Amino acid sequence: MSTEVLEKFGGYVRVRVCGIAVEDDRILLIRHKALFEDGPFWAPPGGSLEFGESIPQALVREFNEETQLQVRVGELLYVNEFIRSPLHTLEVFFRVFIESGQLQLGHDPEFQQQIMEEAAWLSWEELQALPDVQVHSVFRKYTQLSDLLQPGGYGLQ
């Protein structure tokens, strides 16, 4: 696991905002260097909520930093709690809609050594074909893309 990630996020409850963007039945995802397992880790764009920042403001900022896209924040879809010592993250997922921009992998200003490797649109079938450890758990909760876009409550990972 990245020492920089542990130093930045270990030992406290982090609030992370995440956006689910879907166009032409494809989901926008970021491929990260894996923290716990071998291989990549695919997750929706998002990041830490900063003090004094609203959740929608944070999500718009994070999307722009990571994908160079401008988004409009839609409805709350799902809350996920990730607990794996020393990390504890409360993730809040919203539907987002692309307003403008060209998809391009951005950067994470929190890290000197970047953990993001690629931004890509994946189909539900491509996502489901990946090993479980390489995909955010929110995608394993649902059996089809349309279910992912319905408000779904809370999950513990």
Protein backbone atom coordinates (compact mmCIF):
# COMPACT_ATOMS: atom_id res chain seq x y z
CA MET A 1 0.00 0.00 0.00
CA SER A 2 1.20 3.50 -0.76
CA THR A 3 2.84 5.14 2.25
CA GLU A 4 1.66 8.51 0.99
CA VAL A 5 -1.98 7.31 0.97
CA LEU A 6 -1.67 5.94 4.51
CA GLU A 7 -0.08 9.14 5.79
CA LYS A 8 -2.78 11.27 4.14
CA PHE A 9 -5.89 9.20 4.92
CA GLY A 10 -5.05 6.73 7.70
CA GLY A 11 -6.29 7.00 11.27
CA TYR A 12 -9.44 9.10 10.81
CA VAL A 13 -12.83 8.94 9.08
CA ARG A 14 -12.53 10.46 5.63
CA VAL A 15 -15.56 11.71 3.69
CA ARG A 16 -15.23 10.99 -0.03
CA VAL A 17 -17.64 12.26 -2.69
CA CYS A 18 -18.06 10.14 -5.82
CA GLY A 19 -19.88 10.67 -9.10
CA ILE A 20 -21.57 8.14 -11.34
CA ALA A 21 -21.54 9.45 -14.92
CA VAL A 22 -23.18 7.34 -17.63
CA GLU A 23 -23.29 8.07 -21.35
CA ASP A 24 -24.24 5.62 -24.10
CA ASP A 25 -24.54 2.84 -21.48
CA ARG A 26 -20.91 3.33 -20.42
CA ILE A 27 -19.70 4.38 -16.96
CA LEU A 28 -16.87 6.85 -16.47
CA LEU A 29 -14.18 5.31 -14.26
CA ILE A 30 -10.66 6.03 -13.09
CA ARG A 31 -8.06 3.26 -13.00
CA HIS A 32 -5.86 3.64 -9.91
CA LYS A 33 -2.78 1.83 -8.75
CA ALA A 34 -4.06 -0.78 -6.32
CA LEU A 35 -3.74 -0.06 -2.61
CA PHE A 36 -4.34 -3.53 -1.14
CA GLU A 37 -4.23 -6.05 -4.00
CA ASP A 38 -2.20 -6.68 -7.13
CA GLY A 39 -3.43 -5.11 -10.33
CA PRO A 40 -5.38 -1.93 -11.00
CA PHE A 41 -8.44 -0.64 -9.13
CA TRP A 42 -11.35 0.93 -11.04
CA ALA A 43 -13.54 3.46 -9.22
CA PRO A 44 -15.76 6.41 -10.08
CA PRO A 45 -14.14 9.85 -10.07
CA GLY A 46 -14.23 11.54 -6.70
CA GLY A 47 -12.25 12.56 -3.69
CA SER A 48 -12.14 14.13 -0.26
CA LEU A 49 -14.61 16.69 0.96
CA GLU A 50 -12.68 19.75 2.14
CA PHE A 51 -13.61 21.80 5.19
CA GLY A 52 -16.16 24.50 4.31
CA GLU A 53 -16.97 22.93 0.93
CA SER A 54 -20.41 21.54 0.12
CA ILE A 55 -20.68 18.03 -1.27
CA PRO A 56 -21.81 19.26 -4.73
CA GLN A 57 -18.93 21.78 -4.83
CA ALA A 58 -16.45 19.04 -3.91
CA LEU A 59 -17.81 16.69 -6.55
CA VAL A 60 -17.61 19.32 -9.30
CA ARG A 61 -14.02 20.14 -8.24
CA GLU A 62 -12.93 16.51 -8.02
CA PHE A 63 -14.41 15.63 -11.42
CA ASN A 64 -12.60 18.54 -13.02
CA GLU A 65 -9.29 17.66 -11.33
CA GLU A 66 -9.47 13.99 -12.31
CA THR A 67 -11.14 14.10 -15.74
CA GLN A 68 -10.98 17.72 -16.99
CA LEU A 69 -14.80 17.57 -17.35
CA GLN A 70 -17.40 19.99 -16.01
CA VAL A 71 -20.36 18.23 -14.42
CA ARG A 72 -23.76 18.94 -12.97
CA VAL A 73 -24.56 17.04 -9.77
CA GLY A 74 -27.81 15.07 -9.72
CA GLU A 75 -29.45 13.02 -7.01
CA LEU A 76 -27.90 11.06 -4.15
CA LEU A 77 -27.62 7.41 -5.14
CA TYR A 78 -25.80 5.52 -2.45
CA VAL A 79 -23.66 5.79 0.69
CA ASN A 80 -20.86 3.28 1.18
CA GLU A 81 -18.69 2.85 4.24
CA PHE A 82 -15.22 1.36 3.68
CA ILE A 83 -13.39 0.10 6.76
CA ARG A 84 -10.04 -1.62 6.35
CA SER A 85 -7.49 -0.54 8.92
CA PRO A 86 -5.93 1.94 8.93
CA LEU A 87 -8.44 3.40 6.43
CA HIS A 88 -12.04 4.33 7.20
CA THR A 89 -13.93 6.18 4.46
CA LEU A 90 -17.53 7.30 4.18
CA GLU A 91 -18.30 7.51 0.44
CA VAL A 92 -21.27 9.48 -0.86
CA PHE A 93 -22.26 8.63 -4.46
CA PHE A 94 -24.25 11.02 -6.66
CA ARG A 95 -25.44 10.81 -10.24
CA VAL A 96 -23.54 13.35 -12.32
CA PHE A 97 -24.11 14.67 -15.83
CA ILE A 98 -21.34 15.84 -18.15
CA GLU A 99 -21.87 19.49 -19.09
CA SER A 100 -18.69 20.23 -21.06
CA GLY A 101 -15.05 19.34 -21.66
CA GLN A 102 -13.01 16.56 -23.22
CA LEU A 103 -12.20 13.49 -21.14
CA GLN A 104 -8.56 13.58 -20.19
CA LEU A 105 -6.82 12.07 -17.17
CA GLY A 106 -6.08 14.86 -14.75
CA HIS A 107 -4.07 14.77 -11.57
CA ASP A 108 -4.61 14.45 -7.85
CA PRO A 109 -3.11 17.53 -6.18
CA GLU A 110 -2.99 15.68 -2.84
CA PHE A 111 -0.23 13.36 -4.03
CA GLN A 112 3.24 13.91 -5.42
CA GLN A 113 3.28 10.37 -6.81
CA GLN A 114 0.09 9.99 -8.84
CA ILE A 115 -2.06 6.92 -8.21
CA MET A 116 -4.45 7.58 -11.11
CA GLU A 117 -3.43 5.81 -14.32
CA GLU A 118 -6.32 6.16 -16.78
CA ALA A 119 -9.79 7.68 -17.24
CA ALA A 120 -12.09 5.59 -19.42
CA TRP A 121 -15.70 4.80 -20.28
CA LEU A 122 -16.45 1.13 -19.57
CA SER A 123 -19.57 -0.83 -20.42
CA TRP A 124 -21.40 -2.72 -17.67
CA GLU A 125 -20.23 -5.97 -19.26
CA GLU A 126 -16.57 -4.86 -19.28
CA LEU A 127 -16.86 -3.78 -15.66
CA GLN A 128 -18.49 -7.03 -14.56
CA ALA A 129 -15.78 -9.07 -16.33
CA LEU A 130 -13.04 -7.57 -14.14
CA PRO A 131 -11.91 -9.41 -10.99
CA ASP A 132 -13.81 -8.29 -7.86
CA VAL A 133 -10.66 -6.92 -6.20
CA GLN A 134 -10.08 -4.60 -9.18
CA VAL A 135 -13.51 -2.91 -9.05
CA HIS A 136 -15.13 -0.69 -6.46
CA SER A 137 -17.61 -2.72 -4.39
CA VAL A 138 -20.54 -0.45 -5.33
CA PHE A 139 -20.56 -2.12 -8.76
CA ARG A 140 -20.94 -5.59 -7.25
CA LYS A 141 -24.08 -4.58 -5.35
CA TYR A 142 -26.11 -4.37 -8.59
CA THR A 143 -26.82 -6.82 -11.40
CA GLN A 144 -27.45 -4.26 -14.15
CA LEU A 145 -26.56 -0.69 -15.01
CA SER A 146 -30.12 0.64 -14.58
CA ASP A 147 -30.13 -0.56 -10.94
CA LEU A 148 -26.94 1.38 -10.25
CA LEU A 149 -28.72 4.60 -11.20
CA GLN A 150 -31.54 4.11 -8.68
CA PRO A 151 -31.20 5.44 -5.12
CA GLY A 152 -29.97 2.50 -3.08
CA GLY A 153 -29.32 3.41 0.54
CA TYR A 154 -26.28 2.30 2.52
CA GLY A 155 -23.63 -0.39 2.21
CA LEU A 156 -20.69 -1.55 4.32
CA GLN A 157 -17.54 -2.85 2.69
